[in-house]
Amino acid sequence: MRGSEQRELLTRVDGDTPAGEPLLSALVVAGDHAPTRVYREVAAALGMELPHPQNGLQQHWQMDVLRLHSLWRHR
């Protein structure tokens, strides 16, 4: 799947994310277990601001992943 197709699909999936919940696209990771560019692009497409990579993106993403695991474990 090309990057633009992946971004479009994940934007559709994450478009129904309730306010205050992390985006499911946070679970898509690069080989180095880091957030992907698509995660930032989906957030931007949905009007969400994420920290700049040099200002805490990694920590923000890690918290999103932990919150997603916790939220979905009980659904």
N, C-alpha and C. Protein backbone atom coordinates (compact mmCIF):
# COMPACT_ATOMS: atom_id res chain seq x y z
N MET A 1 0.85 -1.17 0.00
CA MET A 1 0.00 0.00 0.00
C MET A 1 0.90 1.24 0.00
N ARG A 2 0.60 2.15 -0.89
CA ARG A 2 1.38 3.38 -0.98
C ARG A 2 1.08 4.27 0.22
N GLY A 3 1.99 5.21 0.48
CA GLY A 3 1.84 6.11 1.61
C GLY A 3 0.56 6.92 1.57
N SER A 4 0.19 7.41 0.39
CA SER A 4 -1.03 8.21 0.29
C SER A 4 -2.28 7.36 0.54
N GLU A 5 -2.26 6.11 0.10
CA GLU A 5 -3.39 5.21 0.35
C GLU A 5 -3.49 4.88 1.83
N GLN A 6 -2.36 4.64 2.43
CA GLN A 6 -2.32 4.34 3.87
C GLN A 6 -2.83 5.54 4.67
N ARG A 7 -2.37 6.72 4.32
CA ARG A 7 -2.80 7.94 5.01
C ARG A 7 -4.31 8.13 4.87
N GLU A 8 -4.84 7.94 3.66
CA GLU A 8 -6.27 8.11 3.43
C GLU A 8 -7.09 7.11 4.25
N LEU A 9 -6.67 5.85 4.25
CA LEU A 9 -7.37 4.82 5.00
C LEU A 9 -7.34 5.12 6.49
N LEU A 10 -6.17 5.44 7.03
CA LEU A 10 -6.06 5.71 8.46
C LEU A 10 -6.79 6.98 8.87
N THR A 11 -6.86 7.96 7.98
CA THR A 11 -7.62 9.17 8.28
C THR A 11 -9.10 8.84 8.39
N ARG A 12 -9.57 7.96 7.53
CA ARG A 12 -10.98 7.53 7.60
C ARG A 12 -11.25 6.77 8.90
N VAL A 13 -10.36 5.87 9.24
CA VAL A 13 -10.52 5.08 10.47
C VAL A 13 -10.48 6.00 11.68
N ASP A 14 -9.52 6.88 11.74
CA ASP A 14 -9.34 7.74 12.90
C ASP A 14 -10.32 8.91 12.92
N GLY A 15 -11.04 9.13 11.85
CA GLY A 15 -12.00 10.22 11.80
C GLY A 15 -13.13 10.08 12.82
N ASP A 16 -13.40 8.86 13.26
CA ASP A 16 -14.45 8.61 14.25
C ASP A 16 -13.92 8.47 15.67
N THR A 17 -12.66 8.79 15.87
CA THR A 17 -12.07 8.68 17.20
C THR A 17 -12.71 9.71 18.13
N PRO A 18 -13.25 9.25 19.26
CA PRO A 18 -13.84 10.20 20.20
C PRO A 18 -12.81 11.21 20.71
N ALA A 19 -13.29 12.41 20.99
CA ALA A 19 -12.41 13.46 21.52
C ALA A 19 -11.73 12.95 22.79
N GLY A 20 -10.47 13.21 22.90
CA GLY A 20 -9.72 12.81 24.08
C GLY A 20 -9.08 11.45 24.00
N GLU A 21 -9.44 10.67 22.97
CA GLU A 21 -8.82 9.35 22.81
C GLU A 21 -7.72 9.44 21.77
N PRO A 22 -6.69 8.61 21.92
CA PRO A 22 -5.60 8.61 20.94
C PRO A 22 -6.03 7.99 19.62
N LEU A 23 -5.33 8.37 18.57
CA LEU A 23 -5.60 7.85 17.24
C LEU A 23 -5.09 6.42 17.10
N LEU A 24 -5.88 5.57 16.45
CA LEU A 24 -5.46 4.20 16.21
C LEU A 24 -4.21 4.15 15.33
N SER A 25 -4.01 5.17 14.52
CA SER A 25 -2.83 5.19 13.65
C SER A 25 -1.53 5.25 14.45
N ALA A 26 -1.61 5.52 15.74
CA ALA A 26 -0.42 5.48 16.59
C ALA A 26 0.17 4.07 16.65
N LEU A 27 -0.66 3.07 16.35
CA LEU A 27 -0.19 1.69 16.41
C LEU A 27 0.62 1.27 15.19
N VAL A 28 0.64 2.09 14.16
CA VAL A 28 1.45 1.82 12.97
C VAL A 28 2.84 2.38 13.27
N VAL A 29 3.83 1.50 13.28
CA VAL A 29 5.17 1.93 13.65
C VAL A 29 6.18 1.62 12.56
N ALA A 30 7.28 2.31 12.64
CA ALA A 30 8.41 2.06 11.74
C ALA A 30 9.22 0.90 12.31
N GLY A 31 10.17 0.43 11.57
CA GLY A 31 10.99 -0.68 12.00
C GLY A 31 11.76 -0.41 13.28
N ASP A 32 11.97 0.84 13.60
CA ASP A 32 12.72 1.19 14.81
C ASP A 32 11.80 1.49 15.99
N HIS A 33 10.54 1.03 15.92
CA HIS A 33 9.55 1.23 16.97
C HIS A 33 9.39 2.71 17.31
N ALA A 34 9.19 3.48 16.28
CA ALA A 34 9.00 4.93 16.42
C ALA A 34 7.75 5.32 15.66
N PRO A 35 7.16 6.45 16.00
CA PRO A 35 5.98 6.88 15.25
C PRO A 35 6.35 7.17 13.80
N THR A 36 5.42 6.89 12.91
CA THR A 36 5.66 7.11 11.49
C THR A 36 5.20 8.50 11.07
N ARG A 37 5.63 8.90 9.92
CA ARG A 37 5.19 10.17 9.35
C ARG A 37 3.68 10.16 9.14
N VAL A 38 3.13 8.99 8.81
CA VAL A 38 1.69 8.87 8.58
C VAL A 38 0.91 9.23 9.84
N TYR A 39 1.40 8.87 11.01
CA TYR A 39 0.75 9.22 12.27
C TYR A 39 0.61 10.74 12.38
N ARG A 40 1.67 11.45 12.08
CA ARG A 40 1.64 12.93 12.13
C ARG A 40 0.72 13.49 11.05
N GLU A 41 0.75 12.90 9.86
CA GLU A 41 -0.09 13.37 8.76
C GLU A 41 -1.56 13.15 9.03
N VAL A 42 -1.92 12.02 9.61
CA VAL A 42 -3.32 11.74 9.95
C VAL A 42 -3.79 12.73 11.02
N ALA A 43 -2.98 12.93 12.02
CA ALA A 43 -3.34 13.89 13.08
C ALA A 43 -3.57 15.28 12.48
N ALA A 44 -2.69 15.70 11.60
CA ALA A 44 -2.82 17.01 10.97
C ALA A 44 -4.09 17.08 10.12
N ALA A 45 -4.38 16.02 9.38
CA ALA A 45 -5.58 15.99 8.53
C ALA A 45 -6.86 16.09 9.37
N LEU A 46 -6.79 15.64 10.62
CA LEU A 46 -7.94 15.68 11.51
C LEU A 46 -7.94 16.91 12.41
N GLY A 47 -7.00 17.83 12.15
CA GLY A 47 -6.95 19.07 12.91
C GLY A 47 -6.34 18.95 14.28
N MET A 48 -5.57 17.89 14.51
CA MET A 48 -4.92 17.69 15.81
C MET A 48 -3.47 18.14 15.71
N GLU A 49 -2.99 18.70 16.78
CA GLU A 49 -1.59 19.11 16.84
C GLU A 49 -0.80 18.10 17.66
N LEU A 50 0.31 17.67 17.12
CA LEU A 50 1.23 16.81 17.85
C LEU A 50 2.51 17.58 18.09
N PRO A 51 3.26 17.21 19.11
CA PRO A 51 4.53 17.88 19.33
C PRO A 51 5.48 17.67 18.16
N HIS A 52 6.35 18.59 17.95
CA HIS A 52 7.41 18.46 16.95
C HIS A 52 8.32 17.31 17.38
N PRO A 53 8.90 16.58 16.42
CA PRO A 53 9.79 15.47 16.78
C PRO A 53 10.88 15.86 17.78
N GLN A 54 11.34 17.08 17.75
CA GLN A 54 12.40 17.49 18.70
C GLN A 54 11.83 17.99 20.02
N ASN A 55 10.51 18.07 20.13
CA ASN A 55 9.88 18.61 21.34
C ASN A 55 8.91 17.64 21.99
N GLY A 56 9.21 16.38 21.95
CA GLY A 56 8.40 15.43 22.70
C GLY A 56 7.46 14.53 21.92
N LEU A 57 7.60 14.47 20.60
CA LEU A 57 6.72 13.59 19.83
C LEU A 57 6.85 12.14 20.28
N GLN A 58 8.06 11.67 20.49
CA GLN A 58 8.29 10.27 20.88
C GLN A 58 7.54 9.95 22.19
N GLN A 59 7.64 10.81 23.17
CA GLN A 59 6.98 10.57 24.45
C GLN A 59 5.45 10.64 24.30
N HIS A 60 4.97 11.60 23.52
CA HIS A 60 3.53 11.72 23.28
C HIS A 60 3.01 10.46 22.61
N TRP A 61 3.72 10.00 21.60
CA TRP A 61 3.33 8.79 20.88
C TRP A 61 3.33 7.57 21.81
N GLN A 62 4.36 7.43 22.64
CA GLN A 62 4.42 6.30 23.57
C GLN A 62 3.23 6.29 24.52
N MET A 63 2.85 7.46 24.99
CA MET A 63 1.67 7.54 25.87
C MET A 63 0.40 7.18 25.11
N ASP A 64 0.29 7.61 23.85
CA ASP A 64 -0.87 7.24 23.04
C ASP A 64 -0.97 5.73 22.88
N VAL A 65 0.15 5.10 22.61
CA VAL A 65 0.16 3.64 22.43
C VAL A 65 -0.27 2.95 23.73
N LEU A 66 0.26 3.38 24.86
CA LEU A 66 -0.13 2.79 26.14
C LEU A 66 -1.62 2.99 26.42
N ARG A 67 -2.12 4.19 26.14
CA ARG A 67 -3.54 4.47 26.36
C ARG A 67 -4.41 3.61 25.45
N LEU A 68 -4.00 3.44 24.19
CA LEU A 68 -4.77 2.60 23.27
C LEU A 68 -4.84 1.16 23.75
N HIS A 69 -3.72 0.63 24.20
CA HIS A 69 -3.72 -0.75 24.71
C HIS A 69 -4.67 -0.87 25.89
N SER A 70 -4.65 0.10 26.77
CA SER A 70 -5.52 0.09 27.94
C SER A 70 -7.00 0.22 27.54
N LEU A 71 -7.30 1.15 26.65
CA LEU A 71 -8.68 1.37 26.21
C LEU A 71 -9.27 0.15 25.52
N TRP A 72 -8.52 -0.42 24.60
CA TRP A 72 -9.04 -1.51 23.79
C TRP A 72 -8.99 -2.86 24.48
N ARG A 73 -8.23 -2.97 25.54
CA ARG A 73 -8.18 -4.22 26.28
C ARG A 73 -9.54 -4.55 26.89
N HIS A 74 -10.29 -3.50 27.21
CA HIS A 74 -11.57 -3.69 27.90
C HIS A 74 -12.79 -3.44 27.02
N ARG A 75 -12.62 -3.34 25.74
CA ARG A 75 -13.77 -3.14 24.83
C ARG A 75 -14.21 -4.43 24.22
